[in-house]
Amino acid sequence: MRAKLRQLREANGYTQQTFSTAVGTSRSHYSQIETGDKQPALRLALRIKRVLNYYGDDIFDNTIPVRK
């Protein structure tokens, strides 16, 4: 799971539905990106980073451990 992506989305007050609308994709597609099942296309990845105001390179890194 891409914990950083989820944390940033939630910190900005977005649900998966509202965020997917903001970046122009379906909720199910965004959910697959957030869980790491799919990689976003470059254009979508840049929109995600822009909407979150995040400029680091590690937003889609799958190596961050998930805390339970």
N, C-alpha and C. Protein backbone atom coordinates (compact mmCIF):
# COMPACT_ATOMS: atom_id res chain seq x y z
N MET A 1 0.84 -1.19 0.00
CA MET A 1 0.00 0.00 0.00
C MET A 1 0.88 1.25 0.00
N ARG A 2 0.46 2.21 -0.70
CA ARG A 2 1.18 3.48 -0.75
C ARG A 2 0.71 4.36 0.40
N ALA A 3 1.28 4.13 1.55
CA ALA A 3 0.84 4.81 2.77
C ALA A 3 0.99 6.32 2.66
N LYS A 4 2.05 6.79 2.06
CA LYS A 4 2.28 8.23 1.95
C LYS A 4 1.18 8.88 1.12
N LEU A 5 0.80 8.26 0.03
CA LEU A 5 -0.24 8.79 -0.83
C LEU A 5 -1.56 8.91 -0.06
N ARG A 6 -1.90 7.88 0.66
CA ARG A 6 -3.13 7.89 1.46
C ARG A 6 -3.06 8.97 2.54
N GLN A 7 -1.94 9.04 3.24
CA GLN A 7 -1.79 10.04 4.31
C GLN A 7 -1.93 11.45 3.77
N LEU A 8 -1.31 11.73 2.64
CA LEU A 8 -1.40 13.06 2.04
C LEU A 8 -2.82 13.38 1.61
N ARG A 9 -3.49 12.41 1.00
CA ARG A 9 -4.87 12.61 0.57
C ARG A 9 -5.76 12.94 1.76
N GLU A 10 -5.64 12.13 2.81
CA GLU A 10 -6.48 12.35 3.99
C GLU A 10 -6.12 13.66 4.70
N ALA A 11 -4.84 14.00 4.76
CA ALA A 11 -4.41 15.24 5.41
C ALA A 11 -4.97 16.47 4.69
N ASN A 12 -5.23 16.32 3.40
CA ASN A 12 -5.80 17.41 2.62
C ASN A 12 -7.33 17.39 2.60
N GLY A 13 -7.91 16.48 3.38
CA GLY A 13 -9.36 16.44 3.54
C GLY A 13 -10.13 15.76 2.43
N TYR A 14 -9.46 14.94 1.64
CA TYR A 14 -10.12 14.26 0.52
C TYR A 14 -10.52 12.84 0.89
N THR A 15 -11.67 12.42 0.42
CA THR A 15 -12.00 11.00 0.39
C THR A 15 -11.46 10.47 -0.94
N GLN A 16 -11.48 9.17 -1.13
CA GLN A 16 -11.05 8.64 -2.43
C GLN A 16 -11.95 9.19 -3.54
N GLN A 17 -13.23 9.30 -3.27
CA GLN A 17 -14.16 9.79 -4.29
C GLN A 17 -13.89 11.24 -4.66
N THR A 18 -13.77 12.11 -3.66
CA THR A 18 -13.54 13.53 -3.97
C THR A 18 -12.18 13.75 -4.59
N PHE A 19 -11.21 12.97 -4.17
CA PHE A 19 -9.87 13.14 -4.74
C PHE A 19 -9.82 12.66 -6.18
N SER A 20 -10.43 11.51 -6.44
CA SER A 20 -10.42 10.99 -7.81
C SER A 20 -11.12 11.96 -8.76
N THR A 21 -12.17 12.61 -8.30
CA THR A 21 -12.84 13.62 -9.11
C THR A 21 -11.91 14.81 -9.36
N ALA A 22 -11.18 15.22 -8.33
CA ALA A 22 -10.27 16.37 -8.45
C ALA A 22 -9.14 16.11 -9.43
N VAL A 23 -8.70 14.86 -9.54
CA VAL A 23 -7.59 14.55 -10.46
C VAL A 23 -8.08 14.00 -11.79
N GLY A 24 -9.37 13.79 -11.93
CA GLY A 24 -9.94 13.39 -13.21
C GLY A 24 -9.85 11.92 -13.55
N THR A 25 -10.07 11.08 -12.56
CA THR A 25 -10.10 9.64 -12.82
C THR A 25 -11.23 9.03 -12.01
N SER A 26 -11.51 7.76 -12.24
CA SER A 26 -12.57 7.10 -11.47
C SER A 26 -12.06 6.74 -10.08
N ARG A 27 -12.98 6.59 -9.15
CA ARG A 27 -12.59 6.20 -7.79
C ARG A 27 -11.93 4.83 -7.78
N SER A 28 -12.46 3.91 -8.56
CA SER A 28 -11.89 2.57 -8.57
C SER A 28 -10.46 2.57 -9.12
N HIS A 29 -10.21 3.36 -10.16
CA HIS A 29 -8.85 3.44 -10.70
C HIS A 29 -7.91 4.08 -9.68
N TYR A 30 -8.37 5.16 -9.05
CA TYR A 30 -7.52 5.80 -8.04
C TYR A 30 -7.25 4.85 -6.88
N SER A 31 -8.26 4.09 -6.46
CA SER A 31 -8.09 3.13 -5.37
C SER A 31 -7.00 2.12 -5.70
N GLN A 32 -6.96 1.66 -6.95
CA GLN A 32 -5.93 0.71 -7.37
C GLN A 32 -4.55 1.34 -7.36
N ILE A 33 -4.46 2.61 -7.64
CA ILE A 33 -3.19 3.33 -7.57
C ILE A 33 -2.75 3.44 -6.12
N GLU A 34 -3.68 3.80 -5.24
CA GLU A 34 -3.35 3.98 -3.84
C GLU A 34 -2.94 2.67 -3.17
N THR A 35 -3.54 1.56 -3.58
CA THR A 35 -3.18 0.27 -2.99
C THR A 35 -1.94 -0.33 -3.63
N GLY A 36 -1.46 0.27 -4.71
CA GLY A 36 -0.26 -0.23 -5.36
C GLY A 36 -0.52 -1.27 -6.43
N ASP A 37 -1.79 -1.53 -6.74
CA ASP A 37 -2.12 -2.51 -7.78
C ASP A 37 -1.86 -1.98 -9.18
N LYS A 38 -1.90 -0.66 -9.34
CA LYS A 38 -1.64 -0.04 -10.65
C LYS A 38 -0.70 1.13 -10.48
N GLN A 39 0.02 1.42 -11.56
CA GLN A 39 0.88 2.59 -11.62
C GLN A 39 0.14 3.66 -12.41
N PRO A 40 0.15 4.91 -11.95
CA PRO A 40 -0.52 5.96 -12.71
C PRO A 40 0.31 6.35 -13.93
N ALA A 41 -0.37 6.75 -14.99
CA ALA A 41 0.33 7.31 -16.14
C ALA A 41 1.00 8.60 -15.68
N LEU A 42 2.01 9.02 -16.39
CA LEU A 42 2.77 10.21 -15.99
C LEU A 42 1.86 11.42 -15.82
N ARG A 43 0.98 11.65 -16.75
CA ARG A 43 0.09 12.81 -16.69
C ARG A 43 -0.77 12.77 -15.42
N LEU A 44 -1.32 11.61 -15.09
CA LEU A 44 -2.13 11.47 -13.89
C LEU A 44 -1.26 11.61 -12.64
N ALA A 45 -0.09 11.05 -12.65
CA ALA A 45 0.83 11.18 -11.50
C ALA A 45 1.13 12.64 -11.22
N LEU A 46 1.36 13.41 -12.25
CA LEU A 46 1.64 14.84 -12.07
C LEU A 46 0.42 15.59 -11.55
N ARG A 47 -0.78 15.21 -12.01
CA ARG A 47 -2.00 15.85 -11.49
C ARG A 47 -2.18 15.53 -10.02
N ILE A 48 -1.93 14.27 -9.64
CA ILE A 48 -2.05 13.86 -8.24
C ILE A 48 -1.11 14.70 -7.37
N LYS A 49 0.14 14.82 -7.79
CA LYS A 49 1.11 15.59 -7.03
C LYS A 49 0.71 17.06 -6.96
N ARG A 50 0.21 17.61 -8.04
CA ARG A 50 -0.18 19.02 -8.07
C ARG A 50 -1.35 19.28 -7.13
N VAL A 51 -2.37 18.43 -7.18
CA VAL A 51 -3.54 18.62 -6.32
C VAL A 51 -3.15 18.51 -4.85
N LEU A 52 -2.20 17.64 -4.54
CA LEU A 52 -1.75 17.48 -3.16
C LEU A 52 -0.68 18.50 -2.76
N ASN A 53 -0.24 19.33 -3.70
CA ASN A 53 0.86 20.27 -3.45
C ASN A 53 2.08 19.55 -2.90
N TYR A 54 2.40 18.43 -3.51
CA TYR A 54 3.53 17.61 -3.08
C TYR A 54 4.54 17.54 -4.22
N TYR A 55 5.78 17.86 -3.91
CA TYR A 55 6.78 17.92 -4.97
C TYR A 55 7.92 16.94 -4.79
N GLY A 56 7.82 16.04 -3.81
CA GLY A 56 8.84 15.01 -3.62
C GLY A 56 8.70 13.91 -4.65
N ASP A 57 9.70 13.07 -4.72
CA ASP A 57 9.70 11.97 -5.69
C ASP A 57 9.21 10.65 -5.10
N ASP A 58 8.94 10.61 -3.80
CA ASP A 58 8.63 9.34 -3.15
C ASP A 58 7.14 9.09 -2.93
N ILE A 59 6.29 9.84 -3.55
CA ILE A 59 4.85 9.72 -3.30
C ILE A 59 4.28 8.37 -3.73
N PHE A 60 4.85 7.76 -4.74
CA PHE A 60 4.35 6.47 -5.22
C PHE A 60 5.23 5.31 -4.78
N ASP A 61 6.08 5.54 -3.79
CA ASP A 61 6.99 4.51 -3.28
C ASP A 61 6.21 3.48 -2.48
N ASN A 62 6.37 2.22 -2.80
CA ASN A 62 5.66 1.14 -2.09
C ASN A 62 6.44 0.58 -0.92
N THR A 63 7.59 1.17 -0.60
CA THR A 63 8.42 0.57 0.45
C THR A 63 8.13 1.12 1.84
N ILE A 64 7.25 2.10 1.98
CA ILE A 64 6.94 2.66 3.28
C ILE A 64 6.05 1.68 4.03
N PRO A 65 6.45 1.26 5.25
CA PRO A 65 5.64 0.28 5.98
C PRO A 65 4.32 0.87 6.42
N VAL A 66 3.31 0.04 6.44
CA VAL A 66 1.98 0.46 6.87
C VAL A 66 1.84 0.16 8.35
N ARG A 67 1.39 1.16 9.11
CA ARG A 67 1.17 0.97 10.55
C ARG A 67 -0.25 0.50 10.76
N LYS A 68 -0.39 -0.51 11.56
CA LYS A 68 -1.73 -1.04 11.86
C LYS A 68 -2.08 -0.79 13.30
